[in-house]
Amino acid sequence: MKINATVIEGKGEGRQLGFPTANIKTSIALLYSPGVYLGETFYNTKQYHSLVVIGLVDGLEVWLADFNGDLYGQQIKVEIKEKLSEVLKIGDREQLVAKIQQDIKQAQAIWTMARPSSP
């Protein structure tokens, strides 16, 4: 499913943990069970591998691999793909960072496998 939306300002928790996310307000999240999903995000004619988190906020949190910049107020398109992991309620900052790193590492392995090989 593809979603066109404007990025809104969140609480900044992802940025504080070292993993800034784009927050999107959408009711589409209600169609999915809570979890971390693989995704693709399109912004300014570029495509970014993404993790889409559903179930932590009212809408979506989107982490874009290899992106640096400010997306507040910008229009993006997010394509949600298969579920990668569950959303866990983790109170300890170190455990939360480790869980995010694990999800990113797992996603990067999938993205690497999906790349077409060079002849």
C-alpha atoms as a PDB file:
ATOM      1  CA  MET A   1       0.000   0.000   0.000  1.00  0.00           C
ATOM      2  CA  LYS A   2       1.275   3.482  -0.890  1.00  0.00           C
ATOM      3  CA  ILE A   3       0.548   6.541   1.215  1.00  0.00           C
ATOM      4  CA  ASN A   4       1.075  10.161   0.199  1.00  0.00           C
ATOM      5  CA  ALA A   5       1.375  12.410   3.235  1.00  0.00           C
ATOM      6  CA  THR A   6       2.984  15.482   4.725  1.00  0.00           C
ATOM      7  CA  VAL A   7       5.571  14.941   7.450  1.00  0.00           C
ATOM      8  CA  ILE A   8       4.542  16.418  10.793  1.00  0.00           C
ATOM      9  CA  GLU A   9       6.593  17.180  13.870  1.00  0.00           C
ATOM     10  CA  GLY A  10       6.633  14.435  16.472  1.00  0.00           C
ATOM     11  CA  LYS A  11       8.092  14.272  19.969  1.00  0.00           C
ATOM     12  CA  GLY A  12      11.658  13.854  18.690  1.00  0.00           C
ATOM     13  CA  GLU A  13      12.179  10.585  20.539  1.00  0.00           C
ATOM     14  CA  GLY A  14      13.662   8.819  17.501  1.00  0.00           C
ATOM     15  CA  ARG A  15      16.153  11.633  16.985  1.00  0.00           C
ATOM     16  CA  GLN A  16      17.140  11.519  20.672  1.00  0.00           C
ATOM     17  CA  LEU A  17      17.876   7.800  20.288  1.00  0.00           C
ATOM     18  CA  GLY A  18      19.943   8.386  17.144  1.00  0.00           C
ATOM     19  CA  PHE A  19      17.287   7.190  14.687  1.00  0.00           C
ATOM     20  CA  PRO A  20      15.283  10.185  13.446  1.00  0.00           C
ATOM     21  CA  THR A  21      11.901   9.343  11.964  1.00  0.00           C
ATOM     22  CA  ALA A  22       9.384  11.115   9.766  1.00  0.00           C
ATOM     23  CA  ASN A  23       5.987  11.182  11.461  1.00  0.00           C
ATOM     24  CA  ILE A  24       2.889  10.903   9.313  1.00  0.00           C
ATOM     25  CA  LYS A  25      -0.670  11.315  10.527  1.00  0.00           C
ATOM     26  CA  THR A  26      -2.858   8.807   8.705  1.00  0.00           C
ATOM     27  CA  SER A  27      -5.734   6.495   9.493  1.00  0.00           C
ATOM     28  CA  ILE A  28      -4.223   3.895   7.131  1.00  0.00           C
ATOM     29  CA  ALA A  29      -2.226   2.548  10.094  1.00  0.00           C
ATOM     30  CA  LEU A  30      -5.465   1.070  11.411  1.00  0.00           C
ATOM     31  CA  LEU A  31      -5.405  -1.460   8.546  1.00  0.00           C
ATOM     32  CA  TYR A  32      -2.160  -2.991   9.860  1.00  0.00           C
ATOM     33  CA  SER A  33      -1.335  -4.775  13.071  1.00  0.00           C
ATOM     34  CA  PRO A  34       1.245  -3.011  15.236  1.00  0.00           C
ATOM     35  CA  GLY A  35       4.787  -3.760  14.134  1.00  0.00           C
ATOM     36  CA  VAL A  36       7.894  -2.756  12.232  1.00  0.00           C
ATOM     37  CA  TYR A  37       7.466  -3.086   8.470  1.00  0.00           C
ATOM     38  CA  LEU A  38       9.855  -2.914   5.550  1.00  0.00           C
ATOM     39  CA  GLY A  39       9.063  -0.028   3.266  1.00  0.00           C
ATOM     40  CA  GLU A  40      10.177   2.289   0.497  1.00  0.00           C
ATOM     41  CA  THR A  41       9.926   6.055   0.809  1.00  0.00           C
ATOM     42  CA  PHE A  42       9.947   8.427  -2.132  1.00  0.00           C
ATOM     43  CA  TYR A  43      11.050  12.035  -1.652  1.00  0.00           C
ATOM     44  CA  ASN A  44      12.312  14.567  -4.191  1.00  0.00           C
ATOM     45  CA  THR A  45      12.639  11.985  -6.986  1.00  0.00           C
ATOM     46  CA  LYS A  46      14.738   9.705  -4.756  1.00  0.00           C
ATOM     47  CA  GLN A  47      13.822   6.355  -3.278  1.00  0.00           C
ATOM     48  CA  TYR A  48      14.953   5.283   0.201  1.00  0.00           C
ATOM     49  CA  HIS A  49      14.730   1.917   1.898  1.00  0.00           C
ATOM     50  CA  SER A  50      12.686   2.470   5.043  1.00  0.00           C
ATOM     51  CA  LEU A  51      11.361   0.975   8.218  1.00  0.00           C
ATOM     52  CA  VAL A  52       7.750   1.869   8.968  1.00  0.00           C
ATOM     53  CA  VAL A  53       6.651   1.629  12.590  1.00  0.00           C
ATOM     54  CA  ILE A  54       2.950   1.202  13.275  1.00  0.00           C
ATOM     55  CA  GLY A  55       1.444   1.180  16.728  1.00  0.00           C
ATOM     56  CA  LEU A  56       3.585   3.602  18.722  1.00  0.00           C
ATOM     57  CA  VAL A  57       1.945   6.853  17.640  1.00  0.00           C
ATOM     58  CA  ASP A  58      -1.333   7.851  16.016  1.00  0.00           C
ATOM     59  CA  GLY A  59      -0.104   7.322  12.470  1.00  0.00           C
ATOM     60  CA  LEU A  60       3.241   6.143  11.142  1.00  0.00           C
ATOM     61  CA  GLU A  61       6.876   6.649  12.053  1.00  0.00           C
ATOM     62  CA  VAL A  62       9.188   6.208   9.067  1.00  0.00           C
ATOM     63  CA  TRP A  63      12.967   5.764   9.314  1.00  0.00           C
ATOM     64  CA  LEU A  64      14.761   6.352   5.997  1.00  0.00           C
ATOM     65  CA  ALA A  65      18.042   4.529   5.403  1.00  0.00           C
ATOM     66  CA  ASP A  66      20.897   6.757   4.236  1.00  0.00           C
ATOM     67  CA  PHE A  67      18.874   9.971   4.581  1.00  0.00           C
ATOM     68  CA  ASN A  68      20.162  13.173   6.116  1.00  0.00           C
ATOM     69  CA  GLY A  69      17.977  16.232   6.262  1.00  0.00           C
ATOM     70  CA  ASP A  70      14.785  17.785   7.553  1.00  0.00           C
ATOM     71  CA  LEU A  71      11.465  16.505   6.247  1.00  0.00           C
ATOM     72  CA  TYR A  72       9.099  18.611   8.387  1.00  0.00           C
ATOM     73  CA  GLY A  73       6.294  19.902   6.182  1.00  0.00           C
ATOM     74  CA  GLN A  74       7.545  17.943   3.157  1.00  0.00           C
ATOM     75  CA  GLN A  75       5.400  15.654   1.035  1.00  0.00           C
ATOM     76  CA  ILE A  76       6.583  12.019   0.900  1.00  0.00           C
ATOM     77  CA  LYS A  77       5.188   8.780  -0.456  1.00  0.00           C
ATOM     78  CA  VAL A  78       5.581   5.654   1.673  1.00  0.00           C
ATOM     79  CA  GLU A  79       5.053   2.124   0.443  1.00  0.00           C
ATOM     80  CA  ILE A  80       4.478  -0.390   3.232  1.00  0.00           C
ATOM     81  CA  LYS A  81       5.703  -3.923   2.547  1.00  0.00           C
ATOM     82  CA  GLU A  82       6.037  -7.027   4.724  1.00  0.00           C
ATOM     83  CA  LYS A  83       6.213  -7.074   8.491  1.00  0.00           C
ATOM     84  CA  LEU A  84       9.719  -7.364   9.909  1.00  0.00           C
ATOM     85  CA  SER A  85       9.132  -7.564  13.675  1.00  0.00           C
ATOM     86  CA  GLU A  86       6.802  -6.787  16.527  1.00  0.00           C
ATOM     87  CA  VAL A  87       6.670  -3.481  18.368  1.00  0.00           C
ATOM     88  CA  LEU A  88       7.868  -4.093  21.897  1.00  0.00           C
ATOM     89  CA  LYS A  89       7.246  -1.942  24.946  1.00  0.00           C
ATOM     90  CA  ILE A  90      10.814  -1.354  26.130  1.00  0.00           C
ATOM     91  CA  GLY A  91      11.428   1.066  28.970  1.00  0.00           C
ATOM     92  CA  ASP A  92      15.214   0.771  29.057  1.00  0.00           C
ATOM     93  CA  ARG A  93      16.962   3.110  26.592  1.00  0.00           C
ATOM     94  CA  GLU A  94      19.865   0.720  25.888  1.00  0.00           C
ATOM     95  CA  GLN A  95      17.522  -2.190  25.175  1.00  0.00           C
ATOM     96  CA  LEU A  96      15.408   0.010  22.885  1.00  0.00           C
ATOM     97  CA  VAL A  97      18.458   1.164  20.909  1.00  0.00           C
ATOM     98  CA  ALA A  98      19.594  -2.482  20.621  1.00  0.00           C
ATOM     99  CA  LYS A  99      16.135  -3.498  19.300  1.00  0.00           C
ATOM    100  CA  ILE A 100      16.182  -0.691  16.702  1.00  0.00           C
ATOM    101  CA  GLN A 101      19.718  -1.632  15.635  1.00  0.00           C
ATOM    102  CA  GLN A 102      18.638  -5.273  15.321  1.00  0.00           C
ATOM    103  CA  ASP A 103      15.658  -4.298  13.123  1.00  0.00           C
ATOM    104  CA  ILE A 104      17.893  -2.124  10.913  1.00  0.00           C
ATOM    105  CA  LYS A 105      20.501  -4.878  10.595  1.00  0.00           C
ATOM    106  CA  GLN A 106      17.841  -7.422   9.646  1.00  0.00           C
ATOM    107  CA  ALA A 107      16.302  -5.010   7.110  1.00  0.00           C
ATOM    108  CA  GLN A 108      19.692  -4.219   5.565  1.00  0.00           C
ATOM    109  CA  ALA A 109      20.343  -7.936   5.077  1.00  0.00           C
ATOM    110  CA  ILE A 110      17.016  -8.270   3.260  1.00  0.00           C
ATOM    111  CA  TRP A 111      17.683  -5.182   1.120  1.00  0.00           C
ATOM    112  CA  THR A 112      21.145  -6.516   0.207  1.00  0.00           C
ATOM    113  CA  MET A 113      19.700  -9.873  -0.847  1.00  0.00           C
ATOM    114  CA  ALA A 114      17.068  -8.128  -2.964  1.00  0.00           C
ATOM    115  CA  ARG A 115      19.647  -6.167  -5.012  1.00  0.00           C
ATOM    116  CA  PRO A 116      20.183  -7.519  -8.494  1.00  0.00           C
ATOM    117  CA  SER A 117      23.684  -8.909  -8.911  1.00  0.00           C
ATOM    118  CA  SER A 118      26.059  -7.352 -11.427  1.00  0.00           C
ATOM    119  CA  PRO A 119      26.914  -9.388 -14.528  1.00  0.00           C
END
